[in-house]
Amino acid sequence: MKRWILSPLAAAMLAGAAVAAPATTPAASAETASGYPAKPIRLLVGYTAGGASDMVGRILAQELSDVNKQAVVVENRPGVGGMLAMSDVARAAPDGYTLGVAVSGTMVTGPHLQKTTPYDPLKDFAPVTMVAKAPMILLSTPGSETATVQQIVQQAKAKPGSMMYATGAQAFDLAMRLFNAKAGVDIGAVNYPGGNQASIDVMAGRVPLMVDTIGAQQANIRSGKLKAVAVLDSSRSSVFPDVPTVAESGVQGYEAVGWLGIVAPPGTPPAIVQKLNGQLRQILAKPAVAQKMSTLGFEPDADTPQAFAEEIRKQYTVWGEVAKHAGLTPQ
């Protein structure tokens, strides 16, 4: 079976990647952020209400509102696989009053599936912090003959090109394309504006499969509306410890992990970025917030602006290699 191996060039890029994060300098004094925020902040989310990034965004928005005594308003702007909202963030005034919930799909995977992306994920944002890892999961219609990875592979090989999966985000699409390549199957995509719309058709049996985050679909899994087939991470989820990983289920070497973070427009004063970073790290360290995130299926994982920028650059390179080796043609 074909294994993914990074080229020497990609490995060198990973080892020596420059960090594109706002550096704190003496000029970026505390005075810049001393009066911030003085008015409401907009937090843009590229997906529909009720999805993974929306739920996390609303938790953080409420906490930031409480800390700063200023409203943080979540604005859902679905479209182009989450890229519409990110494009708006990239073009917004760099004053700290427009922030975005960045996800792996819009920053490191989706851009490799587009001929043109309305922003450069490595240059057009000021990373604030990683917020959480969002483990993904393969789901199927309850009671269908796609309850296990082995059944999915068998059916897909028996009737090449006939099986479909619903996808509400670029990251989920790329995760399934990687599954196709690793398992040696050809499962086609049906695109939706968000995970909620995709799950409706999977629950109804109109499309048999989908990938989403555990957090977004946990309630539907527990209620029996969706069947949890396999976790896409390299290890099982603490939320659903009885659900095997894709690799455990026979597709050796498979791994795909999603994440969420907060970004600001490029040129946002470093002092404001650092202030937001400090506040968000304190928020994510609260036991109550950590518990709330865990209940939703997320693993809090805050870091510095510099570390977040480096992680974006590294994963962008890695997923670029995956897309190339999978023979994906940007659409």
C-alpha atoms as a PDB file:
ATOM      1  CA  MET A   1       0.000   0.000   0.000  1.00  0.00           C
ATOM      2  CA  LYS A   2       1.286   3.472  -0.892  1.00  0.00           C
ATOM      3  CA  ARG A   3       2.711   5.407   2.035  1.00  0.00           C
ATOM      4  CA  TRP A   4       2.991   9.166   2.282  1.00  0.00           C
ATOM      5  CA  ILE A   5       6.616  10.268   2.471  1.00  0.00           C
ATOM      6  CA  LEU A   6       7.607  13.921   2.534  1.00  0.00           C
ATOM      7  CA  SER A   7      10.124  14.915  -0.097  1.00  0.00           C
ATOM      8  CA  PRO A   8      13.549  16.193   1.038  1.00  0.00           C
ATOM      9  CA  LEU A   9      12.468  19.671  -0.048  1.00  0.00           C
ATOM     10  CA  ALA A  10       9.319  19.541   2.067  1.00  0.00           C
ATOM     11  CA  ALA A  11      11.286  18.193   5.028  1.00  0.00           C
ATOM     12  CA  ALA A  12      13.743  21.044   4.711  1.00  0.00           C
ATOM     13  CA  MET A  13      10.877  23.508   4.547  1.00  0.00           C
ATOM     14  CA  LEU A  14       9.428  22.080   7.727  1.00  0.00           C
ATOM     15  CA  ALA A  15      12.741  22.213   9.531  1.00  0.00           C
ATOM     16  CA  GLY A  16      13.616  25.737   8.509  1.00  0.00           C
ATOM     17  CA  ALA A  17      10.230  27.384   8.094  1.00  0.00           C
ATOM     18  CA  ALA A  18      10.268  31.032   9.036  1.00  0.00           C
ATOM     19  CA  VAL A  19       7.666  32.110  11.563  1.00  0.00           C
ATOM     20  CA  ALA A  20       5.257  34.618  10.067  1.00  0.00           C
ATOM     21  CA  ALA A  21       3.889  35.961  13.322  1.00  0.00           C
ATOM     22  CA  PRO A  22       3.729  39.483  14.696  1.00  0.00           C
ATOM     23  CA  ALA A  23       6.838  39.963  16.800  1.00  0.00           C
ATOM     24  CA  THR A  24       6.726  42.027  19.947  1.00  0.00           C
ATOM     25  CA  THR A  25       9.167  44.944  19.783  1.00  0.00           C
ATOM     26  CA  PRO A  26       9.876  47.873  22.090  1.00  0.00           C
ATOM     27  CA  ALA A  27       7.814  50.033  19.734  1.00  0.00           C
ATOM     28  CA  ALA A  28       4.832  47.768  20.303  1.00  0.00           C
ATOM     29  CA  SER A  29       4.362  49.172  23.774  1.00  0.00           C
ATOM     30  CA  ALA A  30       1.569  48.429  26.198  1.00  0.00           C
ATOM     31  CA  GLU A  31       0.221  51.871  25.374  1.00  0.00           C
ATOM     32  CA  THR A  32      -1.004  50.547  21.998  1.00  0.00           C
ATOM     33  CA  ALA A  33      -3.339  48.100  23.679  1.00  0.00           C
ATOM     34  CA  SER A  34      -4.044  49.975  26.915  1.00  0.00           C
ATOM     35  CA  GLY A  35      -7.435  51.238  25.723  1.00  0.00           C
ATOM     36  CA  TYR A  36      -8.305  48.163  23.690  1.00  0.00           C
ATOM     37  CA  PRO A  37     -11.054  47.218  23.184  1.00  0.00           C
ATOM     38  CA  ALA A  38     -13.031  50.431  23.288  1.00  0.00           C
ATOM     39  CA  LYS A  39     -15.942  49.122  21.204  1.00  0.00           C
ATOM     40  CA  PRO A  40     -17.521  45.786  20.222  1.00  0.00           C
ATOM     41  CA  ILE A  41     -15.379  43.191  18.424  1.00  0.00           C
ATOM     42  CA  ARG A  42     -16.593  41.118  15.485  1.00  0.00           C
ATOM     43  CA  LEU A  43     -15.649  37.424  15.433  1.00  0.00           C
ATOM     44  CA  LEU A  44     -16.216  36.003  11.945  1.00  0.00           C
ATOM     45  CA  VAL A  45     -17.033  32.312  11.504  1.00  0.00           C
ATOM     46  CA  GLY A  46     -16.939  30.763   8.039  1.00  0.00           C
ATOM     47  CA  TYR A  47     -19.632  28.166   8.691  1.00  0.00           C
ATOM     48  CA  THR A  48     -23.280  27.966   9.634  1.00  0.00           C
ATOM     49  CA  ALA A  49     -24.527  28.304  13.203  1.00  0.00           C
ATOM     50  CA  GLY A  50     -24.289  25.113  15.226  1.00  0.00           C
ATOM     51  CA  GLY A  51     -21.140  23.841  13.538  1.00  0.00           C
ATOM     52  CA  ALA A  52     -17.836  23.123  15.260  1.00  0.00           C
ATOM     53  CA  SER A  53     -16.157  26.477  14.720  1.00  0.00           C
ATOM     54  CA  ASP A  54     -19.385  28.309  15.575  1.00  0.00           C
ATOM     55  CA  MET A  55     -19.726  26.545  18.942  1.00  0.00           C
ATOM     56  CA  VAL A  56     -16.119  27.214  19.904  1.00  0.00           C
ATOM     57  CA  GLY A  57     -16.378  30.787  18.655  1.00  0.00           C
ATOM     58  CA  ARG A  58     -19.384  31.487  20.842  1.00  0.00           C
ATOM     59  CA  ILE A  59     -17.693  30.081  23.942  1.00  0.00           C
ATOM     60  CA  LEU A  60     -14.673  32.325  23.377  1.00  0.00           C
ATOM     61  CA  ALA A  61     -16.794  35.336  22.423  1.00  0.00           C
ATOM     62  CA  GLN A  62     -18.706  35.186  25.707  1.00  0.00           C
ATOM     63  CA  GLU A  63     -15.512  34.806  27.734  1.00  0.00           C
ATOM     64  CA  LEU A  64     -13.764  37.674  25.936  1.00  0.00           C
ATOM     65  CA  SER A  65     -16.848  39.835  26.412  1.00  0.00           C
ATOM     66  CA  ASP A  66     -16.744  39.187  30.143  1.00  0.00           C
ATOM     67  CA  VAL A  67     -13.017  39.915  30.393  1.00  0.00           C
ATOM     68  CA  ASN A  68     -13.078  43.151  28.396  1.00  0.00           C
ATOM     69  CA  LYS A  69     -16.543  44.433  29.292  1.00  0.00           C
ATOM     70  CA  GLN A  70     -17.167  44.826  25.573  1.00  0.00           C
ATOM     71  CA  ALA A  71     -19.422  42.749  23.352  1.00  0.00           C
ATOM     72  CA  VAL A  72     -17.793  40.199  21.062  1.00  0.00           C
ATOM     73  CA  VAL A  73     -20.327  39.505  18.330  1.00  0.00           C
ATOM     74  CA  VAL A  74     -20.155  36.243  16.368  1.00  0.00           C
ATOM     75  CA  GLU A  75     -20.988  36.687  12.674  1.00  0.00           C
ATOM     76  CA  ASN A  76     -21.591  33.536  10.607  1.00  0.00           C
ATOM     77  CA  ARG A  77     -20.531  33.955   6.986  1.00  0.00           C
ATOM     78  CA  PRO A  78     -20.638  30.532   5.322  1.00  0.00           C
ATOM     79  CA  GLY A  79     -19.411  30.066   1.794  1.00  0.00           C
ATOM     80  CA  VAL A  80     -16.507  28.795  -0.324  1.00  0.00           C
ATOM     81  CA  GLY A  81     -15.663  26.113   2.206  1.00  0.00           C
ATOM     82  CA  GLY A  82     -15.253  28.662   5.000  1.00  0.00           C
ATOM     83  CA  MET A  83     -12.996  30.902   2.922  1.00  0.00           C
ATOM     84  CA  LEU A  84     -15.486  33.731   2.468  1.00  0.00           C
ATOM     85  CA  ALA A  85     -15.269  34.782   6.121  1.00  0.00           C
ATOM     86  CA  MET A  86     -11.484  34.392   6.153  1.00  0.00           C
ATOM     87  CA  SER A  87     -11.231  36.630   3.105  1.00  0.00           C
ATOM     88  CA  ASP A  88     -13.237  39.275   4.969  1.00  0.00           C
ATOM     89  CA  VAL A  89     -10.863  38.994   7.940  1.00  0.00           C
ATOM     90  CA  ALA A  90      -7.819  39.363   5.686  1.00  0.00           C
ATOM     91  CA  ARG A  91      -9.236  42.593   4.201  1.00  0.00           C
ATOM     92  CA  ALA A  92     -10.521  44.091   7.464  1.00  0.00           C
ATOM     93  CA  ALA A  93      -8.945  47.077   9.188  1.00  0.00           C
ATOM     94  CA  PRO A  94      -5.951  45.949  11.281  1.00  0.00           C
ATOM     95  CA  ASP A  95      -7.239  47.464  14.494  1.00  0.00           C
ATOM     96  CA  GLY A  96      -8.178  44.381  16.504  1.00  0.00           C
ATOM     97  CA  TYR A  97     -11.917  44.853  16.060  1.00  0.00           C
ATOM     98  CA  THR A  98     -12.303  42.108  13.463  1.00  0.00           C
ATOM     99  CA  LEU A  99     -11.104  38.612  14.315  1.00  0.00           C
ATOM    100  CA  GLY A 100     -11.643  35.272  12.647  1.00  0.00           C
ATOM    101  CA  VAL A 101     -12.057  31.673  13.752  1.00  0.00           C
ATOM    102  CA  ALA A 102      -9.439  30.008  11.560  1.00  0.00           C
ATOM    103  CA  VAL A 103      -9.715  26.285  10.987  1.00  0.00           C
ATOM    104  CA  SER A 104      -7.354  23.817   9.398  1.00  0.00           C
ATOM    105  CA  GLY A 105      -9.664  23.560   6.393  1.00  0.00           C
ATOM    106  CA  THR A 106      -9.368  27.221   5.487  1.00  0.00           C
ATOM    107  CA  MET A 107      -5.693  27.603   6.378  1.00  0.00           C
ATOM    108  CA  VAL A 108      -3.734  24.459   5.522  1.00  0.00           C
ATOM    109  CA  THR A 109      -5.865  22.002   3.543  1.00  0.00           C
ATOM    110  CA  GLY A 110      -8.547  23.831   1.528  1.00  0.00           C
ATOM    111  CA  PRO A 111      -6.131  26.169  -0.290  1.00  0.00           C
ATOM    112  CA  HIS A 112      -4.536  23.140  -1.957  1.00  0.00           C
ATOM    113  CA  LEU A 113      -7.913  22.225  -3.494  1.00  0.00           C
ATOM    114  CA  GLN A 114      -8.579  25.651  -5.019  1.00  0.00           C
ATOM    115  CA  LYS A 115      -7.114  27.095  -8.209  1.00  0.00           C
ATOM    116  CA  THR A 116      -7.452  30.485  -6.615  1.00  0.00           C
ATOM    117  CA  THR A 117      -7.765  31.275  -2.908  1.00  0.00           C
ATOM    118  CA  PRO A 118      -8.929  34.790  -1.924  1.00  0.00           C
ATOM    119  CA  TYR A 119      -6.034  35.134   0.519  1.00  0.00           C
ATOM    120  CA  ASP A 120      -2.574  33.807   1.306  1.00  0.00           C
ATOM    121  CA  PRO A 121      -2.901  31.764   4.529  1.00  0.00           C
ATOM    122  CA  LEU A 122       0.784  32.293   5.307  1.00  0.00           C
ATOM    123  CA  LYS A 123       0.891  36.057   4.764  1.00  0.00           C
ATOM    124  CA  ASP A 124      -2.564  37.580   5.046  1.00  0.00           C
ATOM    125  CA  PHE A 125      -3.245  37.013   8.759  1.00  0.00           C
ATOM    126  CA  ALA A 126      -1.774  37.823  12.147  1.00  0.00           C
ATOM    127  CA  PRO A 127      -2.051  34.521  14.076  1.00  0.00           C
ATOM    128  CA  VAL A 128      -3.236  35.081  17.655  1.00  0.00           C
ATOM    129  CA  THR A 129      -3.347  31.572  19.107  1.00  0.00           C
ATOM    130  CA  MET A 130      -4.269  27.991  18.431  1.00  0.00           C
ATOM    131  CA  VAL A 131      -7.444  27.333  20.406  1.00  0.00           C
ATOM    132  CA  ALA A 132      -8.161  23.623  20.210  1.00  0.00           C
ATOM    133  CA  LYS A 133      -7.589  20.416  18.361  1.00  0.00           C
ATOM    134  CA  ALA A 134     -10.796  19.167  16.779  1.00  0.00           C
ATOM    135  CA  PRO A 135     -10.578  15.414  16.181  1.00  0.00           C
ATOM    136  CA  MET A 136     -12.494  14.334  13.087  1.00  0.00           C
ATOM    137  CA  ILE A 137     -14.679  11.266  12.703  1.00  0.00           C
ATOM    138  CA  LEU A 138     -16.091   9.196   9.825  1.00  0.00           C
ATOM    139  CA  LEU A 139     -19.870   8.872  10.067  1.00  0.00           C
ATOM    140  CA  SER A 140     -22.524   6.875   8.234  1.00  0.00           C
ATOM    141  CA  THR A 141     -26.286   6.483   7.985  1.00  0.00           C
ATOM    142  CA  PRO A 142     -27.549   4.355  10.907  1.00  0.00           C
ATOM    143  CA  GLY A 143     -28.618   0.871   9.877  1.00  0.00           C
ATOM    144  CA  SER A 144     -26.836   1.040   6.553  1.00  0.00           C
ATOM    145  CA  GLU A 145     -24.267  -1.401   5.202  1.00  0.00           C
ATOM    146  CA  THR A 146     -21.509   1.169   5.784  1.00  0.00           C
ATOM    147  CA  ALA A 147     -21.166   0.643   9.537  1.00  0.00           C
ATOM    148  CA  THR A 148     -17.468  -0.269   9.427  1.00  0.00           C
ATOM    149  CA  VAL A 149     -14.440   0.806   7.435  1.00  0.00           C
ATOM    150  CA  GLN A 150     -14.138  -2.713   6.034  1.00  0.00           C
ATOM    151  CA  GLN A 151     -17.730  -2.603   4.747  1.00  0.00           C
ATOM    152  CA  ILE A 152     -17.168   0.816   3.187  1.00  0.00           C
ATOM    153  CA  VAL A 153     -14.032  -0.341   1.393  1.00  0.00           C
ATOM    154  CA  GLN A 154     -15.660  -3.565   0.199  1.00  0.00           C
ATOM    155  CA  GLN A 155     -18.700  -1.773  -1.218  1.00  0.00           C
ATOM    156  CA  ALA A 156     -16.640   0.990  -2.802  1.00  0.00           C
ATOM    157  CA  LYS A 157     -14.405  -1.545  -4.540  1.00  0.00           C
ATOM    158  CA  ALA A 158     -17.372  -3.638  -5.673  1.00  0.00           C
ATOM    159  CA  LYS A 159     -18.998  -0.629  -7.398  1.00  0.00           C
ATOM    160  CA  PRO A 160     -16.258   1.967  -8.162  1.00  0.00           C
ATOM    161  CA  GLY A 161     -17.539   5.519  -8.319  1.00  0.00           C
ATOM    162  CA  SER A 162     -21.053   4.701  -7.074  1.00  0.00           C
ATOM    163  CA  MET A 163     -20.599   5.519  -3.382  1.00  0.00           C
ATOM    164  CA  MET A 164     -20.732   9.159  -2.241  1.00  0.00           C
ATOM    165  CA  TYR A 165     -19.865  11.182   0.860  1.00  0.00           C
ATOM    166  CA  ALA A 166     -21.351  14.471   2.041  1.00  0.00           C
ATOM    167  CA  THR A 167     -18.908  17.239   2.882  1.00  0.00           C
ATOM    168  CA  GLY A 168     -19.467  20.637   4.454  1.00  0.00           C
ATOM    169  CA  ALA A 169     -15.871  21.878   4.519  1.00  0.00           C
ATOM    170  CA  GLN A 170     -12.658  21.635   2.534  1.00  0.00           C
ATOM    171  CA  ALA A 171     -10.832  19.897   5.391  1.00  0.00           C
ATOM    172  CA  PHE A 172     -13.376  17.088   5.456  1.00  0.00           C
ATOM    173  CA  ASP A 173     -13.198  16.742   1.693  1.00  0.00           C
ATOM    174  CA  LEU A 174      -9.411  16.415   1.747  1.00  0.00           C
ATOM    175  CA  ALA A 175      -9.627  13.931   4.619  1.00  0.00           C
ATOM    176  CA  MET A 176     -11.915  11.726   2.502  1.00  0.00           C
ATOM    177  CA  ARG A 177      -9.728  12.131  -0.562  1.00  0.00           C
ATOM    178  CA  LEU A 178      -6.822  10.907   1.534  1.00  0.00           C
ATOM    179  CA  PHE A 179      -9.007   7.996   2.607  1.00  0.00           C
ATOM    180  CA  ASN A 180      -9.671   7.206  -1.065  1.00  0.00           C
ATOM    181  CA  ALA A 181      -5.973   7.179  -1.841  1.00  0.00           C
ATOM    182  CA  LYS A 182      -4.961   5.152   1.205  1.00  0.00           C
ATOM    183  CA  ALA A 183      -7.785   2.608   0.890  1.00  0.00           C
ATOM    184  CA  GLY A 184      -7.583   2.355  -2.891  1.00  0.00           C
ATOM    185  CA  VAL A 185     -11.213   3.338  -3.471  1.00  0.00           C
ATOM    186  CA  ASP A 186     -13.132   6.000  -5.393  1.00  0.00           C
ATOM    187  CA  ILE A 187     -15.844   7.566  -3.211  1.00  0.00           C
ATOM    188  CA  GLY A 188     -17.265  10.776  -4.704  1.00  0.00           C
ATOM    189  CA  ALA A 189     -18.148  14.062  -3.001  1.00  0.00           C
ATOM    190  CA  VAL A 190     -21.474  15.870  -2.565  1.00  0.00           C
ATOM    191  CA  ASN A 191     -20.775  19.410  -1.374  1.00  0.00           C
ATOM    192  CA  TYR A 192     -22.845  21.304   1.209  1.00  0.00           C
ATOM    193  CA  PRO A 193     -22.476  24.810   2.717  1.00  0.00           C
ATOM    194  CA  GLY A 194     -21.885  23.356   6.193  1.00  0.00           C
ATOM    195  CA  GLY A 195     -21.802  20.271   8.370  1.00  0.00           C
ATOM    196  CA  ASN A 196     -25.409  20.662   9.534  1.00  0.00           C
ATOM    197  CA  GLN A 197     -26.791  20.461   6.002  1.00  0.00           C
ATOM    198  CA  ALA A 198     -24.506  17.548   5.182  1.00  0.00           C
ATOM    199  CA  SER A 199     -25.574  15.617   8.268  1.00  0.00           C
ATOM    200  CA  ILE A 200     -29.275  16.022   7.439  1.00  0.00           C
ATOM    201  CA  ASP A 201     -28.852  14.085   4.202  1.00  0.00           C
ATOM    202  CA  VAL A 202     -26.649  11.448   5.825  1.00  0.00           C
ATOM    203  CA  MET A 203     -29.160  10.916   8.640  1.00  0.00           C
ATOM    204  CA  ALA A 204     -31.903  10.566   6.027  1.00  0.00           C
ATOM    205  CA  GLY A 205     -29.874   8.068   4.025  1.00  0.00           C
ATOM    206  CA  ARG A 206     -29.681  10.202   0.891  1.00  0.00           C
ATOM    207  CA  VAL A 207     -25.878  10.168   1.152  1.00  0.00           C
ATOM    208  CA  PRO A 208     -24.288   7.316   3.142  1.00  0.00           C
ATOM    209  CA  LEU A 209     -21.108   8.901   4.528  1.00  0.00           C
ATOM    210  CA  MET A 210     -19.571  12.081   5.860  1.00  0.00           C
ATOM    211  CA  VAL A 211     -16.626  13.390   7.852  1.00  0.00           C
ATOM    212  CA  ASP A 212     -17.045  16.051  10.530  1.00  0.00           C
ATOM    213  CA  THR A 213     -15.538  16.946  13.869  1.00  0.00           C
ATOM    214  CA  ILE A 214     -16.545  14.922  16.891  1.00  0.00           C
ATOM    215  CA  GLY A 215     -17.660  18.111  18.611  1.00  0.00           C
ATOM    216  CA  ALA A 216     -20.077  19.148  15.878  1.00  0.00           C
ATOM    217  CA  GLN A 217     -21.823  15.776  15.628  1.00  0.00           C
ATOM    218  CA  GLN A 218     -21.512  14.394  19.160  1.00  0.00           C
ATOM    219  CA  ALA A 219     -25.211  14.881  19.944  1.00  0.00           C
ATOM    220  CA  ASN A 220     -26.307  13.174  16.723  1.00  0.00           C
ATOM    221  CA  ILE A 221     -23.965  10.260  17.424  1.00  0.00           C
ATOM    222  CA  ARG A 222     -25.199   9.788  21.005  1.00  0.00           C
ATOM    223  CA  SER A 223     -28.845   9.984  19.916  1.00  0.00           C
ATOM    224  CA  GLY A 224     -28.300   7.353  17.234  1.00  0.00           C
ATOM    225  CA  LYS A 225     -29.037   9.689  14.342  1.00  0.00           C
ATOM    226  CA  LEU A 226     -25.525   9.124  12.961  1.00  0.00           C
ATOM    227  CA  LYS A 227     -23.317   6.048  13.191  1.00  0.00           C
ATOM    228  CA  ALA A 228     -19.723   6.628  14.330  1.00  0.00           C
ATOM    229  CA  VAL A 229     -17.564   4.497  12.035  1.00  0.00           C
ATOM    230  CA  ALA A 230     -13.982   5.497  12.835  1.00  0.00           C
ATOM    231  CA  VAL A 231     -11.878   8.299  14.324  1.00  0.00           C
ATOM    232  CA  LEU A 232      -9.476   9.940  11.864  1.00  0.00           C
ATOM    233  CA  ASP A 233      -6.793  10.724  14.450  1.00  0.00           C
ATOM    234  CA  SER A 234      -3.907   8.340  15.172  1.00  0.00           C
ATOM    235  CA  SER A 235      -5.424   7.539  18.583  1.00  0.00           C
ATOM    236  CA  ARG A 236      -8.946   6.970  19.862  1.00  0.00           C
ATOM    237  CA  SER A 237     -11.033   9.810  21.247  1.00  0.00           C
ATOM    238  CA  SER A 238     -11.695  10.078  24.974  1.00  0.00           C
ATOM    239  CA  VAL A 239     -15.235  11.140  24.051  1.00  0.00           C
ATOM    240  CA  PHE A 240     -15.942   7.901  22.140  1.00  0.00           C
ATOM    241  CA  PRO A 241     -13.290   5.446  23.360  1.00  0.00           C
ATOM    242  CA  ASP A 242     -15.079   2.453  21.815  1.00  0.00           C
ATOM    243  CA  VAL A 243     -14.833   3.860  18.289  1.00  0.00           C
ATOM    244  CA  PRO A 244     -11.707   2.566  16.504  1.00  0.00           C
ATOM    245  CA  THR A 245      -9.383   4.688  14.403  1.00  0.00           C
ATOM    246  CA  VAL A 246      -9.307   4.394  10.617  1.00  0.00           C
ATOM    247  CA  ALA A 247      -5.812   2.891  10.868  1.00  0.00           C
ATOM    248  CA  GLU A 248      -7.000   0.315  13.404  1.00  0.00           C
ATOM    249  CA  SER A 249      -9.795  -0.562  11.002  1.00  0.00           C
ATOM    250  CA  GLY A 250      -7.438  -1.595   8.248  1.00  0.00           C
ATOM    251  CA  VAL A 251      -6.362   1.564   6.407  1.00  0.00           C
ATOM    252  CA  GLN A 252      -2.767   1.603   7.615  1.00  0.00           C
ATOM    253  CA  GLY A 253      -0.988   4.922   8.083  1.00  0.00           C
ATOM    254  CA  TYR A 254      -4.134   7.033   7.867  1.00  0.00           C
ATOM    255  CA  GLU A 255      -4.287  10.167  10.047  1.00  0.00           C
ATOM    256  CA  ALA A 256      -6.086  13.506   9.744  1.00  0.00           C
ATOM    257  CA  VAL A 257      -6.600  15.997  12.576  1.00  0.00           C
ATOM    258  CA  GLY A 258      -8.477  19.275  12.495  1.00  0.00           C
ATOM    259  CA  TRP A 259      -7.893  22.350  14.632  1.00  0.00           C
ATOM    260  CA  LEU A 260      -9.271  25.799  15.345  1.00  0.00           C
ATOM    261  CA  GLY A 261      -7.536  29.055  16.173  1.00  0.00           C
ATOM    262  CA  ILE A 262      -7.994  32.812  16.257  1.00  0.00           C
ATOM    263  CA  VAL A 263      -6.440  35.169  13.699  1.00  0.00           C
ATOM    264  CA  ALA A 264      -6.511  38.904  13.086  1.00  0.00           C
ATOM    265  CA  PRO A 265      -5.962  40.936   9.911  1.00  0.00           C
ATOM    266  CA  PRO A 266      -2.336  41.431   8.801  1.00  0.00           C
ATOM    267  CA  GLY A 267      -0.737  44.489  10.352  1.00  0.00           C
ATOM    268  CA  THR A 268      -2.727  44.311  13.574  1.00  0.00           C
ATOM    269  CA  PRO A 269      -0.533  45.958  16.247  1.00  0.00           C
ATOM    270  CA  PRO A 270       1.594  43.302  17.978  1.00  0.00           C
ATOM    271  CA  ALA A 271       0.597  44.666  21.381  1.00  0.00           C
ATOM    272  CA  ILE A 272      -3.074  43.981  20.617  1.00  0.00           C
ATOM    273  CA  VAL A 273      -2.247  40.506  19.324  1.00  0.00           C
ATOM    274  CA  GLN A 274      -0.275  39.780  22.494  1.00  0.00           C
ATOM    275  CA  LYS A 275      -3.077  41.122  24.701  1.00  0.00           C
ATOM    276  CA  LEU A 276      -5.634  38.885  22.978  1.00  0.00           C
ATOM    277  CA  ASN A 277      -3.245  35.944  23.167  1.00  0.00           C
ATOM    278  CA  GLY A 278      -2.809  36.380  26.907  1.00  0.00           C
ATOM    279  CA  GLN A 279      -6.541  36.688  27.493  1.00  0.00           C
ATOM    280  CA  LEU A 280      -7.383  33.642  25.377  1.00  0.00           C
ATOM    281  CA  ARG A 281      -4.726  31.498  27.040  1.00  0.00           C
ATOM    282  CA  GLN A 282      -6.113  32.411  30.454  1.00  0.00           C
ATOM    283  CA  ILE A 283      -9.639  31.657  29.241  1.00  0.00           C
ATOM    284  CA  LEU A 284      -8.665  28.252  27.845  1.00  0.00           C
ATOM    285  CA  ALA A 285      -6.897  27.398  31.109  1.00  0.00           C
ATOM    286  CA  LYS A 286     -10.122  27.803  33.097  1.00  0.00           C
ATOM    287  CA  PRO A 287     -11.379  24.386  34.253  1.00  0.00           C
ATOM    288  CA  ALA A 288     -14.964  25.324  33.364  1.00  0.00           C
ATOM    289  CA  VAL A 289     -14.004  26.341  29.828  1.00  0.00           C
ATOM    290  CA  ALA A 290     -11.785  23.300  29.368  1.00  0.00           C
ATOM    291  CA  GLN A 291     -14.647  21.074  30.504  1.00  0.00           C
ATOM    292  CA  LYS A 292     -17.075  22.784  28.160  1.00  0.00           C
ATOM    293  CA  MET A 293     -14.677  22.334  25.245  1.00  0.00           C
ATOM    294  CA  SER A 294     -14.076  18.697  26.171  1.00  0.00           C
ATOM    295  CA  THR A 295     -17.807  18.039  26.348  1.00  0.00           C
ATOM    296  CA  LEU A 296     -18.083  19.327  22.796  1.00  0.00           C
ATOM    297  CA  GLY A 297     -15.315  16.981  21.675  1.00  0.00           C
ATOM    298  CA  PHE A 298     -12.449  19.476  21.521  1.00  0.00           C
ATOM    299  CA  GLU A 299      -9.054  19.453  23.181  1.00  0.00           C
ATOM    300  CA  PRO A 300      -7.945  22.955  24.330  1.00  0.00           C
ATOM    301  CA  ASP A 301      -4.488  23.710  22.964  1.00  0.00           C
ATOM    302  CA  ALA A 302      -3.412  27.347  23.311  1.00  0.00           C
ATOM    303  CA  ASP A 303       0.019  28.601  22.281  1.00  0.00           C
ATOM    304  CA  THR A 304       1.932  31.779  21.404  1.00  0.00           C
ATOM    305  CA  PRO A 305       1.338  33.765  18.192  1.00  0.00           C
ATOM    306  CA  GLN A 306       4.756  32.663  16.970  1.00  0.00           C
ATOM    307  CA  ALA A 307       4.122  28.973  17.668  1.00  0.00           C
ATOM    308  CA  PHE A 308       0.715  29.133  15.990  1.00  0.00           C
ATOM    309  CA  ALA A 309       2.198  30.761  12.895  1.00  0.00           C
ATOM    310  CA  GLU A 310       4.864  28.078  12.696  1.00  0.00           C
ATOM    311  CA  GLU A 311       2.266  25.310  13.042  1.00  0.00           C
ATOM    312  CA  ILE A 312       0.216  26.815  10.205  1.00  0.00           C
ATOM    313  CA  ARG A 313       3.282  26.920   7.969  1.00  0.00           C
ATOM    314  CA  LYS A 314       4.321  23.362   8.794  1.00  0.00           C
ATOM    315  CA  GLN A 315       0.879  21.871   8.230  1.00  0.00           C
ATOM    316  CA  TYR A 316       0.391  23.840   5.027  1.00  0.00           C
ATOM    317  CA  THR A 317       3.528  22.188   3.660  1.00  0.00           C
ATOM    318  CA  VAL A 318       2.541  18.715   4.850  1.00  0.00           C
ATOM    319  CA  TRP A 319      -0.981  18.851   3.377  1.00  0.00           C
ATOM    320  CA  GLY A 320       0.413  20.289   0.154  1.00  0.00           C
ATOM    321  CA  GLU A 321       2.503  17.124  -0.138  1.00  0.00           C
ATOM    322  CA  VAL A 322      -0.566  14.976   0.597  1.00  0.00           C
ATOM    323  CA  ALA A 323      -2.598  16.739  -2.113  1.00  0.00           C
ATOM    324  CA  LYS A 324       0.244  16.366  -4.595  1.00  0.00           C
ATOM    325  CA  HIS A 325       0.789  12.675  -3.951  1.00  0.00           C
ATOM    326  CA  ALA A 326      -2.970  12.028  -4.025  1.00  0.00           C
ATOM    327  CA  GLY A 327      -3.043  13.527  -7.505  1.00  0.00           C
ATOM    328  CA  LEU A 328      -5.632  16.159  -6.551  1.00  0.00           C
ATOM    329  CA  THR A 329      -6.379  18.772  -9.203  1.00  0.00           C
ATOM    330  CA  PRO A 330      -7.360  22.187  -7.792  1.00  0.00           C
ATOM    331  CA  GLN A 331     -10.915  23.077  -8.811  1.00  0.00           C
END
